[in-house]
Amino acid sequence: MSDLGQLSHAEKVLFAGCIRAVMFADGRPGEAELKDFDRIYRQLDFRDYEECLDESEQSLPDEPSLLKAAQQVRNPAAQDLILSTLYELTVQHGAPDETEEGLFRRLSALWEKA
């Protein structure tokens, strides 16, 4: 995974919101999803995750607002980190369903066009 230090604050806020969206895509996250998140959180050393998540919940409360904010992300390192993390979260325990994979596919398509 890329270095979290290469992301701006706005990109980290988007990242936190995307993680939340994937984890809650099919309802409440299960124990396995929480363990995956904890492992990824530690790997990334995402120390200001809670702050970024709080800000994301206020400014990016739903998928349309996440996608709108993602249109502003031109940093390839941010795009790569967000996509690779979301992919990892969606495929950890077998084939992901449409709700889990949807945001990943929409972001991939958006950033491929840029």
N, C-alpha and C. Protein backbone atom coordinates (compact mmCIF):
# COMPACT_ATOMS: atom_id res chain seq x y z
N MET A 1 0.84 -1.18 0.00
CA MET A 1 0.00 0.00 0.00
C MET A 1 0.88 1.24 0.00
N SER A 2 0.34 2.31 -0.53
CA SER A 2 1.05 3.58 -0.57
C SER A 2 1.14 4.20 0.81
N ASP A 3 1.92 5.23 0.91
CA ASP A 3 2.14 5.92 2.17
C ASP A 3 1.01 6.91 2.45
N LEU A 4 0.40 6.79 3.59
CA LEU A 4 -0.69 7.68 4.00
C LEU A 4 -0.23 9.13 4.07
N GLY A 5 1.06 9.34 4.33
CA GLY A 5 1.61 10.69 4.42
C GLY A 5 1.56 11.46 3.12
N GLN A 6 1.32 10.79 2.01
CA GLN A 6 1.24 11.45 0.71
C GLN A 6 -0.14 12.04 0.45
N LEU A 7 -1.09 11.82 1.36
CA LEU A 7 -2.45 12.31 1.17
C LEU A 7 -2.67 13.64 1.88
N SER A 8 -3.41 14.51 1.24
CA SER A 8 -3.82 15.76 1.87
C SER A 8 -4.89 15.46 2.91
N HIS A 9 -5.21 16.45 3.71
CA HIS A 9 -6.26 16.26 4.71
C HIS A 9 -7.59 15.93 4.02
N ALA A 10 -7.93 16.64 2.97
CA ALA A 10 -9.19 16.39 2.25
C ALA A 10 -9.23 14.96 1.69
N GLU A 11 -8.09 14.47 1.20
CA GLU A 11 -8.03 13.11 0.68
C GLU A 11 -8.20 12.09 1.80
N LYS A 12 -7.65 12.39 2.97
CA LYS A 12 -7.80 11.49 4.11
C LYS A 12 -9.25 11.48 4.61
N VAL A 13 -9.92 12.62 4.53
CA VAL A 13 -11.34 12.68 4.91
C VAL A 13 -12.16 11.82 3.95
N LEU A 14 -11.88 11.94 2.66
CA LEU A 14 -12.55 11.11 1.66
C LEU A 14 -12.25 9.63 1.92
N PHE A 15 -11.00 9.31 2.18
CA PHE A 15 -10.58 7.94 2.44
C PHE A 15 -11.35 7.35 3.62
N ALA A 16 -11.43 8.09 4.71
CA ALA A 16 -12.17 7.62 5.90
C ALA A 16 -13.64 7.38 5.55
N GLY A 17 -14.22 8.28 4.78
CA GLY A 17 -15.62 8.12 4.38
C GLY A 17 -15.83 6.91 3.49
N CYS A 18 -14.88 6.65 2.61
CA CYS A 18 -14.97 5.48 1.74
C CYS A 18 -14.86 4.18 2.53
N ILE A 19 -13.96 4.16 3.50
CA ILE A 19 -13.84 2.98 4.36
C ILE A 19 -15.16 2.74 5.08
N ARG A 20 -15.71 3.79 5.65
CA ARG A 20 -17.00 3.67 6.35
C ARG A 20 -18.08 3.15 5.41
N ALA A 21 -18.15 3.69 4.20
CA ALA A 21 -19.18 3.29 3.25
C ALA A 21 -19.07 1.81 2.89
N VAL A 22 -17.86 1.32 2.68
CA VAL A 22 -17.68 -0.09 2.33
C VAL A 22 -18.01 -0.98 3.52
N MET A 23 -17.57 -0.59 4.70
CA MET A 23 -17.82 -1.42 5.87
C MET A 23 -19.30 -1.52 6.21
N PHE A 24 -20.05 -0.46 5.93
CA PHE A 24 -21.47 -0.45 6.27
C PHE A 24 -22.36 -0.71 5.05
N ALA A 25 -21.77 -1.09 3.93
CA ALA A 25 -22.53 -1.27 2.69
C ALA A 25 -23.64 -2.31 2.82
N ASP A 26 -23.37 -3.36 3.56
CA ASP A 26 -24.36 -4.43 3.70
C ASP A 26 -24.95 -4.46 5.12
N GLY A 27 -24.99 -3.33 5.77
CA GLY A 27 -25.50 -3.26 7.14
C GLY A 27 -24.36 -3.03 8.11
N ARG A 28 -24.53 -3.52 9.31
CA ARG A 28 -23.47 -3.38 10.33
C ARG A 28 -22.30 -4.29 9.99
N PRO A 29 -21.07 -3.78 10.21
CA PRO A 29 -19.91 -4.63 9.93
C PRO A 29 -19.85 -5.80 10.91
N GLY A 30 -19.46 -6.94 10.37
CA GLY A 30 -19.31 -8.13 11.20
C GLY A 30 -17.95 -8.16 11.87
N GLU A 31 -17.75 -9.16 12.69
CA GLU A 31 -16.50 -9.28 13.44
C GLU A 31 -15.31 -9.41 12.49
N ALA A 32 -15.47 -10.17 11.42
CA ALA A 32 -14.37 -10.35 10.45
C ALA A 32 -14.01 -9.02 9.79
N GLU A 33 -15.02 -8.24 9.43
CA GLU A 33 -14.76 -6.93 8.81
C GLU A 33 -14.05 -5.99 9.78
N LEU A 34 -14.45 -6.02 11.03
CA LEU A 34 -13.80 -5.18 12.03
C LEU A 34 -12.35 -5.58 12.25
N LYS A 35 -12.07 -6.88 12.23
CA LYS A 35 -10.69 -7.35 12.35
C LYS A 35 -9.86 -6.89 11.15
N ASP A 36 -10.46 -6.99 9.94
CA ASP A 36 -9.76 -6.54 8.74
C ASP A 36 -9.46 -5.05 8.82
N PHE A 37 -10.45 -4.29 9.25
CA PHE A 37 -10.26 -2.85 9.38
C PHE A 37 -9.16 -2.54 10.38
N ASP A 38 -9.17 -3.22 11.51
CA ASP A 38 -8.16 -2.99 12.54
C ASP A 38 -6.75 -3.27 12.01
N ARG A 39 -6.61 -4.34 11.27
CA ARG A 39 -5.32 -4.68 10.68
C ARG A 39 -4.87 -3.61 9.67
N ILE A 40 -5.79 -3.19 8.82
CA ILE A 40 -5.47 -2.17 7.82
C ILE A 40 -5.14 -0.84 8.50
N TYR A 41 -5.93 -0.48 9.50
CA TYR A 41 -5.72 0.75 10.27
C TYR A 41 -4.30 0.78 10.86
N ARG A 42 -3.89 -0.35 11.43
CA ARG A 42 -2.54 -0.43 12.01
C ARG A 42 -1.46 -0.37 10.93
N GLN A 43 -1.67 -1.07 9.82
CA GLN A 43 -0.70 -1.04 8.72
C GLN A 43 -0.50 0.38 8.20
N LEU A 44 -1.59 1.11 8.06
CA LEU A 44 -1.52 2.46 7.52
C LEU A 44 -1.04 3.48 8.54
N ASP A 45 -1.16 3.15 9.82
CA ASP A 45 -0.86 4.10 10.89
C ASP A 45 -1.69 5.36 10.72
N PHE A 46 -2.98 5.16 10.51
CA PHE A 46 -3.95 6.23 10.24
C PHE A 46 -4.36 6.86 11.58
N ARG A 47 -3.46 7.63 12.15
CA ARG A 47 -3.64 8.16 13.51
C ARG A 47 -4.80 9.13 13.65
N ASP A 48 -5.10 9.88 12.59
CA ASP A 48 -6.20 10.84 12.68
C ASP A 48 -7.46 10.32 11.99
N TYR A 49 -7.60 8.99 11.94
CA TYR A 49 -8.77 8.39 11.30
C TYR A 49 -10.07 8.89 11.92
N GLU A 50 -10.17 8.86 13.24
CA GLU A 50 -11.42 9.26 13.91
C GLU A 50 -11.78 10.70 13.57
N GLU A 51 -10.80 11.59 13.58
CA GLU A 51 -11.03 12.99 13.23
C GLU A 51 -11.51 13.09 11.78
N CYS A 52 -10.84 12.38 10.89
CA CYS A 52 -11.22 12.40 9.47
C CYS A 52 -12.59 11.78 9.27
N LEU A 53 -12.89 10.72 9.99
CA LEU A 53 -14.20 10.08 9.89
C LEU A 53 -15.30 11.02 10.36
N ASP A 54 -15.08 11.71 11.49
CA ASP A 54 -16.08 12.67 11.98
C ASP A 54 -16.35 13.76 10.94
N GLU A 55 -15.28 14.27 10.35
CA GLU A 55 -15.43 15.30 9.33
C GLU A 55 -16.14 14.75 8.10
N SER A 56 -15.82 13.53 7.74
CA SER A 56 -16.46 12.89 6.59
C SER A 56 -17.95 12.69 6.82
N GLU A 57 -18.30 12.28 8.02
CA GLU A 57 -19.71 12.06 8.33
C GLU A 57 -20.52 13.34 8.21
N GLN A 58 -19.88 14.48 8.47
CA GLN A 58 -20.55 15.76 8.35
C GLN A 58 -20.60 16.26 6.91
N SER A 59 -19.47 16.17 6.20
CA SER A 59 -19.38 16.77 4.87
C SER A 59 -19.63 15.80 3.72
N LEU A 60 -19.48 14.51 3.98
CA LEU A 60 -19.64 13.49 2.93
C LEU A 60 -20.51 12.35 3.46
N PRO A 61 -21.78 12.63 3.74
CA PRO A 61 -22.60 11.65 4.44
C PRO A 61 -23.11 10.48 3.61
N ASP A 62 -22.98 10.56 2.28
CA ASP A 62 -23.53 9.50 1.45
C ASP A 62 -22.64 9.27 0.22
N GLU A 63 -22.97 8.24 -0.53
CA GLU A 63 -22.13 7.89 -1.68
C GLU A 63 -22.08 8.99 -2.74
N PRO A 64 -23.19 9.64 -3.08
CA PRO A 64 -23.07 10.73 -4.08
C PRO A 64 -22.10 11.83 -3.65
N SER A 65 -22.09 12.18 -2.37
CA SER A 65 -21.15 13.22 -1.92
C SER A 65 -19.71 12.70 -1.92
N LEU A 66 -19.52 11.41 -1.63
CA LEU A 66 -18.18 10.81 -1.71
C LEU A 66 -17.66 10.86 -3.15
N LEU A 67 -18.53 10.50 -4.08
CA LEU A 67 -18.13 10.50 -5.49
C LEU A 67 -17.84 11.91 -6.00
N LYS A 68 -18.62 12.86 -5.54
CA LYS A 68 -18.38 14.26 -5.93
C LYS A 68 -17.01 14.72 -5.41
N ALA A 69 -16.71 14.40 -4.16
CA ALA A 69 -15.41 14.77 -3.59
C ALA A 69 -14.28 14.03 -4.31
N ALA A 70 -14.52 12.80 -4.71
CA ALA A 70 -13.50 12.00 -5.40
C ALA A 70 -13.13 12.61 -6.75
N GLN A 71 -14.05 13.33 -7.36
CA GLN A 71 -13.76 13.98 -8.63
C GLN A 71 -12.62 14.99 -8.51
N GLN A 72 -12.41 15.51 -7.31
CA GLN A 72 -11.37 16.50 -7.08
C GLN A 72 -10.00 15.88 -6.79
N VAL A 73 -9.96 14.57 -6.58
CA VAL A 73 -8.71 13.90 -6.22
C VAL A 73 -7.92 13.60 -7.50
N ARG A 74 -6.79 14.28 -7.64
CA ARG A 74 -5.92 14.09 -8.80
C ARG A 74 -4.61 13.39 -8.41
N ASN A 75 -4.41 13.20 -7.13
CA ASN A 75 -3.20 12.59 -6.59
C ASN A 75 -3.23 11.08 -6.84
N PRO A 76 -2.35 10.57 -7.73
CA PRO A 76 -2.35 9.13 -8.00
C PRO A 76 -2.08 8.28 -6.75
N ALA A 77 -1.27 8.77 -5.83
CA ALA A 77 -0.99 8.02 -4.60
C ALA A 77 -2.27 7.88 -3.76
N ALA A 78 -3.06 8.94 -3.70
CA ALA A 78 -4.32 8.89 -2.95
C ALA A 78 -5.29 7.94 -3.63
N GLN A 79 -5.41 8.04 -4.93
CA GLN A 79 -6.31 7.16 -5.66
C GLN A 79 -5.92 5.70 -5.45
N ASP A 80 -4.63 5.42 -5.57
CA ASP A 80 -4.13 4.05 -5.41
C ASP A 80 -4.39 3.53 -4.01
N LEU A 81 -4.10 4.33 -3.01
CA LEU A 81 -4.28 3.89 -1.62
C LEU A 81 -5.75 3.64 -1.32
N ILE A 82 -6.62 4.55 -1.74
CA ILE A 82 -8.05 4.37 -1.49
C ILE A 82 -8.56 3.12 -2.19
N LEU A 83 -8.24 2.98 -3.47
CA LEU A 83 -8.74 1.83 -4.22
C LEU A 83 -8.18 0.51 -3.69
N SER A 84 -6.89 0.46 -3.40
CA SER A 84 -6.31 -0.80 -2.92
C SER A 84 -6.88 -1.19 -1.55
N THR A 85 -7.11 -0.21 -0.70
CA THR A 85 -7.68 -0.51 0.62
C THR A 85 -9.13 -0.97 0.49
N LEU A 86 -9.91 -0.28 -0.33
CA LEU A 86 -11.31 -0.69 -0.50
C LEU A 86 -11.39 -2.08 -1.11
N TYR A 87 -10.52 -2.35 -2.07
CA TYR A 87 -10.50 -3.69 -2.67
C TYR A 87 -10.17 -4.74 -1.61
N GLU A 88 -9.18 -4.45 -0.81
CA GLU A 88 -8.79 -5.39 0.25
C GLU A 88 -9.94 -5.64 1.22
N LEU A 89 -10.67 -4.59 1.57
CA LEU A 89 -11.81 -4.75 2.48
C LEU A 89 -12.93 -5.56 1.85
N THR A 90 -13.12 -5.44 0.54
CA THR A 90 -14.24 -6.13 -0.09
C THR A 90 -13.97 -7.60 -0.39
N VAL A 91 -12.72 -7.99 -0.53
CA VAL A 91 -12.44 -9.38 -0.92
C VAL A 91 -11.85 -10.24 0.19
N GLN A 92 -11.80 -9.76 1.38
CA GLN A 92 -11.16 -10.50 2.47
C GLN A 92 -11.81 -11.86 2.74
N HIS A 93 -13.10 -11.95 2.63
CA HIS A 93 -13.79 -13.17 3.03
C HIS A 93 -14.68 -13.69 1.91
N GLY A 94 -14.06 -13.99 0.79
CA GLY A 94 -14.81 -14.52 -0.33
C GLY A 94 -15.23 -13.44 -1.30
N ALA A 95 -16.04 -13.82 -2.25
CA ALA A 95 -16.49 -12.89 -3.29
C ALA A 95 -17.38 -11.82 -2.67
N PRO A 96 -17.09 -10.55 -2.96
CA PRO A 96 -17.92 -9.49 -2.42
C PRO A 96 -19.26 -9.43 -3.13
N ASP A 97 -20.27 -8.94 -2.43
CA ASP A 97 -21.55 -8.76 -3.10
C ASP A 97 -21.58 -7.36 -3.71
N GLU A 98 -22.62 -7.08 -4.45
CA GLU A 98 -22.76 -5.82 -5.18
C GLU A 98 -22.66 -4.61 -4.26
N THR A 99 -23.26 -4.67 -3.09
CA THR A 99 -23.23 -3.50 -2.20
C THR A 99 -21.83 -3.20 -1.71
N GLU A 100 -21.04 -4.21 -1.45
CA GLU A 100 -19.67 -3.99 -0.98
C GLU A 100 -18.75 -3.51 -2.09
N GLU A 101 -18.96 -4.02 -3.28
CA GLU A 101 -18.07 -3.74 -4.39
C GLU A 101 -18.43 -2.48 -5.17
N GLY A 102 -19.65 -1.99 -5.00
CA GLY A 102 -20.15 -0.88 -5.80
C GLY A 102 -19.31 0.38 -5.75
N LEU A 103 -18.97 0.85 -4.58
CA LEU A 103 -18.20 2.08 -4.46
C LEU A 103 -16.82 1.91 -5.08
N PHE A 104 -16.19 0.77 -4.86
CA PHE A 104 -14.89 0.50 -5.46
C PHE A 104 -14.97 0.62 -6.98
N ARG A 105 -15.96 -0.01 -7.58
CA ARG A 105 -16.08 0.03 -9.04
C ARG A 105 -16.37 1.44 -9.55
N ARG A 106 -17.20 2.20 -8.86
CA ARG A 106 -17.53 3.56 -9.30
C ARG A 106 -16.30 4.49 -9.18
N LEU A 107 -15.54 4.35 -8.11
CA LEU A 107 -14.32 5.16 -7.98
C LEU A 107 -13.30 4.76 -9.04
N SER A 108 -13.14 3.48 -9.28
CA SER A 108 -12.20 3.02 -10.32
C SER A 108 -12.55 3.64 -11.66
N ALA A 109 -13.83 3.59 -12.01
CA ALA A 109 -14.27 4.13 -13.29
C ALA A 109 -14.06 5.65 -13.34
N LEU A 110 -14.35 6.32 -12.26
CA LEU A 110 -14.20 7.78 -12.20
C LEU A 110 -12.73 8.17 -12.41
N TRP A 111 -11.84 7.50 -11.73
CA TRP A 111 -10.43 7.87 -11.79
C TRP A 111 -9.75 7.37 -13.07
N GLU A 112 -10.31 6.35 -13.72
CA GLU A 112 -9.77 5.92 -15.00
C GLU A 112 -10.00 6.98 -16.07
N LYS A 113 -11.13 7.70 -15.95
CA LYS A 113 -11.47 8.73 -16.93
C LYS A 113 -10.63 9.98 -16.79
N ALA A 114 -10.13 10.20 -15.57
CA ALA A 114 -9.37 11.43 -15.30
C ALA A 114 -8.03 11.46 -15.97
